[in-house]
N, C-alpha and C. Protein backbone atom coordinates (compact mmCIF):
# COMPACT_ATOMS: atom_id res chain seq x y z
N MET A 1 200.86 136.63 57.72
CA MET A 1 199.63 135.93 57.39
C MET A 1 199.14 135.21 58.64
N ILE A 2 197.84 135.16 58.78
CA ILE A 2 197.20 134.52 59.93
C ILE A 2 196.61 133.18 59.49
N GLY A 3 196.88 132.14 60.24
CA GLY A 3 196.28 130.83 60.00
C GLY A 3 195.02 130.69 60.83
N LEU A 4 193.94 130.30 60.21
CA LEU A 4 192.66 130.09 60.89
C LEU A 4 192.34 128.60 60.83
N GLN A 5 192.18 127.98 61.99
CA GLN A 5 191.97 126.54 62.06
C GLN A 5 190.63 126.26 62.71
N LEU A 6 189.76 125.57 61.97
CA LEU A 6 188.45 125.19 62.48
C LEU A 6 188.23 123.71 62.20
N ALA A 7 187.46 123.05 63.03
CA ALA A 7 187.25 121.63 62.87
C ALA A 7 186.15 121.29 61.86
N LEU A 8 185.07 122.03 61.89
CA LEU A 8 183.88 121.65 61.13
C LEU A 8 183.46 122.72 60.13
N PRO A 9 182.89 122.30 59.00
CA PRO A 9 182.42 123.27 58.01
C PRO A 9 181.42 124.27 58.59
N ALA A 10 180.54 123.83 59.46
CA ALA A 10 179.55 124.76 60.05
C ALA A 10 180.23 125.85 60.87
N GLU A 11 181.36 125.52 61.50
CA GLU A 11 182.09 126.51 62.28
C GLU A 11 182.79 127.52 61.38
N ALA A 12 183.15 127.11 60.18
CA ALA A 12 183.92 127.95 59.26
C ALA A 12 183.05 128.75 58.30
N ALA A 13 181.80 128.41 58.17
CA ALA A 13 180.94 128.97 57.12
C ALA A 13 180.92 130.49 57.08
N SER A 14 180.74 131.14 58.22
CA SER A 14 180.64 132.61 58.21
C SER A 14 181.98 133.25 57.86
N LEU A 15 183.09 132.66 58.32
CA LEU A 15 184.40 133.20 57.96
C LEU A 15 184.67 133.02 56.47
N LEU A 16 184.36 131.84 55.95
CA LEU A 16 184.58 131.58 54.52
C LEU A 16 183.78 132.55 53.66
N ALA A 17 182.58 132.90 54.09
CA ALA A 17 181.74 133.82 53.33
C ALA A 17 182.33 135.23 53.29
N ASP A 18 183.12 135.57 54.31
CA ASP A 18 183.69 136.92 54.41
C ASP A 18 185.09 137.05 53.83
N ILE A 19 185.71 135.96 53.45
CA ILE A 19 187.07 136.04 52.89
C ILE A 19 187.00 136.65 51.50
N GLU A 20 187.78 137.70 51.30
CA GLU A 20 187.83 138.38 50.01
C GLU A 20 188.81 137.67 49.09
N GLN A 21 188.45 137.58 47.82
CA GLN A 21 189.27 136.96 46.78
C GLN A 21 189.74 135.56 47.20
N PRO A 22 188.80 134.68 47.59
CA PRO A 22 189.22 133.36 48.07
C PRO A 22 189.88 132.54 46.97
N ARG A 23 190.93 131.86 47.36
CA ARG A 23 191.63 130.93 46.47
C ARG A 23 191.74 129.60 47.22
N ARG A 24 191.20 128.55 46.64
CA ARG A 24 191.19 127.26 47.32
C ARG A 24 192.20 126.31 46.69
N GLU A 25 192.83 125.53 47.53
CA GLU A 25 193.74 124.49 47.06
C GLU A 25 193.79 123.38 48.09
N SER A 26 194.35 122.26 47.69
CA SER A 26 194.50 121.13 48.59
C SER A 26 195.98 120.85 48.79
N ARG A 27 196.38 120.71 50.05
CA ARG A 27 197.76 120.35 50.39
C ARG A 27 197.71 119.38 51.56
N TRP A 28 198.56 118.39 51.54
CA TRP A 28 198.66 117.42 52.63
C TRP A 28 197.30 116.82 52.99
N GLY A 29 196.44 116.69 52.01
CA GLY A 29 195.12 116.14 52.26
C GLY A 29 194.16 117.09 52.93
N GLN A 30 194.54 118.35 53.03
CA GLN A 30 193.70 119.38 53.66
C GLN A 30 193.21 120.37 52.61
N SER A 31 192.01 120.88 52.81
CA SER A 31 191.49 121.95 51.97
C SER A 31 191.88 123.28 52.60
N LEU A 32 192.55 124.13 51.83
CA LEU A 32 192.98 125.44 52.31
C LEU A 32 192.26 126.52 51.52
N THR A 33 191.87 127.58 52.21
CA THR A 33 191.31 128.76 51.55
C THR A 33 192.17 129.95 51.91
N TRP A 34 192.76 130.59 50.90
CA TRP A 34 193.62 131.75 51.06
C TRP A 34 192.83 132.98 50.68
N GLY A 35 193.13 134.12 51.28
CA GLY A 35 192.49 135.37 50.90
C GLY A 35 192.75 136.44 51.94
N ARG A 36 191.84 137.41 51.97
CA ARG A 36 191.96 138.52 52.92
C ARG A 36 190.69 138.59 53.75
N LEU A 37 190.87 138.83 55.03
CA LEU A 37 189.75 138.94 55.95
C LEU A 37 190.05 140.10 56.89
N ALA A 38 189.17 141.08 56.92
CA ALA A 38 189.35 142.26 57.77
C ALA A 38 190.71 142.91 57.55
N GLY A 39 191.12 142.97 56.28
CA GLY A 39 192.37 143.63 55.93
C GLY A 39 193.63 142.82 56.17
N GLN A 40 193.49 141.57 56.57
CA GLN A 40 194.65 140.71 56.85
C GLN A 40 194.71 139.55 55.87
N ASP A 41 195.92 139.16 55.48
CA ASP A 41 196.10 137.94 54.69
C ASP A 41 195.85 136.76 55.61
N VAL A 42 195.02 135.82 55.14
CA VAL A 42 194.68 134.65 55.95
C VAL A 42 194.72 133.39 55.11
N VAL A 43 194.89 132.27 55.80
CA VAL A 43 194.68 130.96 55.21
C VAL A 43 193.81 130.19 56.21
N LEU A 44 192.68 129.67 55.74
CA LEU A 44 191.73 128.96 56.59
C LEU A 44 191.75 127.49 56.21
N THR A 45 191.77 126.64 57.21
CA THR A 45 191.71 125.21 56.95
C THR A 45 190.79 124.53 57.95
N LEU A 46 190.20 123.45 57.50
CA LEU A 46 189.37 122.62 58.37
C LEU A 46 190.21 121.44 58.83
N SER A 47 190.35 121.28 60.14
CA SER A 47 191.20 120.23 60.67
C SER A 47 190.48 118.90 60.77
N GLY A 48 189.18 118.94 60.91
CA GLY A 48 188.46 117.73 61.29
C GLY A 48 188.43 117.65 62.81
N VAL A 49 187.80 116.62 63.34
CA VAL A 49 187.57 116.51 64.78
C VAL A 49 188.66 115.68 65.44
N GLY A 50 189.07 116.10 66.61
CA GLY A 50 189.98 115.31 67.44
C GLY A 50 191.35 115.93 67.60
N LYS A 51 192.05 115.45 68.64
CA LYS A 51 193.36 115.99 68.98
C LYS A 51 194.40 115.75 67.89
N VAL A 52 194.40 114.56 67.32
CA VAL A 52 195.39 114.24 66.29
C VAL A 52 195.17 115.11 65.06
N ALA A 53 193.92 115.25 64.65
CA ALA A 53 193.61 116.09 63.48
C ALA A 53 194.01 117.54 63.75
N ALA A 54 193.74 118.03 64.94
CA ALA A 54 194.09 119.42 65.28
C ALA A 54 195.60 119.61 65.29
N ALA A 55 196.32 118.66 65.89
CA ALA A 55 197.79 118.77 65.95
C ALA A 55 198.41 118.69 64.57
N THR A 56 197.91 117.82 63.73
CA THR A 56 198.42 117.69 62.36
C THR A 56 198.19 118.98 61.58
N THR A 57 197.02 119.56 61.73
CA THR A 57 196.70 120.80 61.02
C THR A 57 197.55 121.95 61.53
N THR A 58 197.77 122.02 62.82
CA THR A 58 198.63 123.07 63.38
C THR A 58 200.04 122.96 62.81
N ALA A 59 200.57 121.74 62.74
CA ALA A 59 201.90 121.53 62.18
C ALA A 59 201.95 121.95 60.71
N MET A 60 200.89 121.65 59.97
CA MET A 60 200.83 122.04 58.56
C MET A 60 200.81 123.56 58.42
N LEU A 61 200.01 124.23 59.23
CA LEU A 61 199.94 125.69 59.16
C LEU A 61 201.30 126.32 59.50
N ALA A 62 202.01 125.72 60.41
CA ALA A 62 203.34 126.24 60.78
C ALA A 62 204.31 126.19 59.59
N GLN A 63 204.08 125.29 58.66
CA GLN A 63 204.92 125.20 57.46
C GLN A 63 204.58 126.26 56.42
N LEU A 64 203.51 126.99 56.63
CA LEU A 64 203.03 127.97 55.64
C LEU A 64 203.45 129.40 55.97
N ASP A 65 204.39 129.58 56.87
CA ASP A 65 204.91 130.91 57.21
C ASP A 65 203.83 131.83 57.77
N VAL A 66 202.98 131.27 58.64
CA VAL A 66 201.98 132.11 59.31
C VAL A 66 202.61 132.72 60.56
N SER A 67 202.19 133.91 60.90
CA SER A 67 202.72 134.57 62.10
C SER A 67 201.88 134.28 63.33
N LEU A 68 200.66 133.79 63.10
CA LEU A 68 199.71 133.55 64.19
C LEU A 68 198.74 132.48 63.74
N ILE A 69 198.40 131.55 64.63
CA ILE A 69 197.37 130.56 64.34
C ILE A 69 196.23 130.76 65.33
N LEU A 70 195.04 130.99 64.81
CA LEU A 70 193.84 131.11 65.64
C LEU A 70 193.01 129.86 65.46
N VAL A 71 192.70 129.20 66.55
CA VAL A 71 191.85 128.02 66.53
C VAL A 71 190.48 128.46 67.02
N ALA A 72 189.47 128.21 66.24
CA ALA A 72 188.13 128.67 66.59
C ALA A 72 187.13 127.54 66.47
N GLY A 73 186.02 127.68 67.14
CA GLY A 73 184.95 126.70 67.09
C GLY A 73 184.51 126.35 68.49
N THR A 74 183.87 125.22 68.63
CA THR A 74 183.35 124.83 69.94
C THR A 74 184.42 124.16 70.79
N SER A 75 185.52 123.77 70.20
CA SER A 75 186.66 123.23 70.94
C SER A 75 186.28 122.10 71.89
N GLY A 76 185.45 121.22 71.41
CA GLY A 76 185.15 120.03 72.20
C GLY A 76 183.90 120.11 73.05
N GLY A 77 183.28 121.23 73.13
CA GLY A 77 182.05 121.31 73.91
C GLY A 77 181.82 122.71 74.43
N LEU A 78 180.68 122.91 74.99
CA LEU A 78 180.32 124.22 75.52
C LEU A 78 179.90 124.08 76.97
N ALA A 79 180.27 125.04 77.75
CA ALA A 79 179.88 125.07 79.16
C ALA A 79 178.52 125.74 79.29
N VAL A 80 177.85 125.48 80.39
CA VAL A 80 176.58 126.14 80.67
C VAL A 80 176.82 127.64 80.72
N GLY A 81 175.98 128.40 80.05
CA GLY A 81 176.09 129.84 80.06
C GLY A 81 176.90 130.42 78.91
N VAL A 82 177.55 129.57 78.12
CA VAL A 82 178.30 130.05 76.96
C VAL A 82 177.33 130.14 75.79
N GLU A 83 177.29 131.30 75.16
CA GLU A 83 176.37 131.54 74.05
C GLU A 83 177.14 131.69 72.74
N PRO A 84 176.49 131.42 71.60
CA PRO A 84 177.15 131.66 70.31
C PRO A 84 177.67 133.09 70.23
N GLY A 85 178.90 133.22 69.78
CA GLY A 85 179.53 134.54 69.66
C GLY A 85 180.39 134.90 70.85
N ASP A 86 180.26 134.16 71.97
CA ASP A 86 181.13 134.41 73.12
C ASP A 86 182.57 134.05 72.76
N VAL A 87 183.52 134.78 73.31
CA VAL A 87 184.94 134.50 73.09
C VAL A 87 185.51 133.92 74.37
N LEU A 88 186.11 132.74 74.24
CA LEU A 88 186.74 132.08 75.37
C LEU A 88 188.24 132.02 75.10
N ILE A 89 189.04 132.36 76.09
CA ILE A 89 190.48 132.34 75.94
C ILE A 89 191.05 131.38 76.98
N ALA A 90 191.79 130.38 76.51
CA ALA A 90 192.39 129.40 77.41
C ALA A 90 193.56 130.03 78.15
N THR A 91 193.71 129.68 79.40
CA THR A 91 194.85 130.17 80.19
C THR A 91 195.76 129.02 80.60
N GLU A 92 195.35 127.80 80.37
CA GLU A 92 196.18 126.62 80.69
C GLU A 92 196.17 125.65 79.55
């Protein structure tokens, strides 16, 4: 299962719309959406903004037996020349 972590509802909206057979529940004060996306089992959660919120959410997802955690969104800001839909991969 893949864990999808986003900070804001606006960042998650298009993914949430595409999740098949969504099942929502609340755990550890977080809203989780389980289902299938592009043929994969996923769980999507909104972390909220900030380093502490992101770290807490990552730790929670690790407890859910996910094989991979993808963090998506603006990740704190955008550089000049970055357009919606661009994929940025951190190397450090």
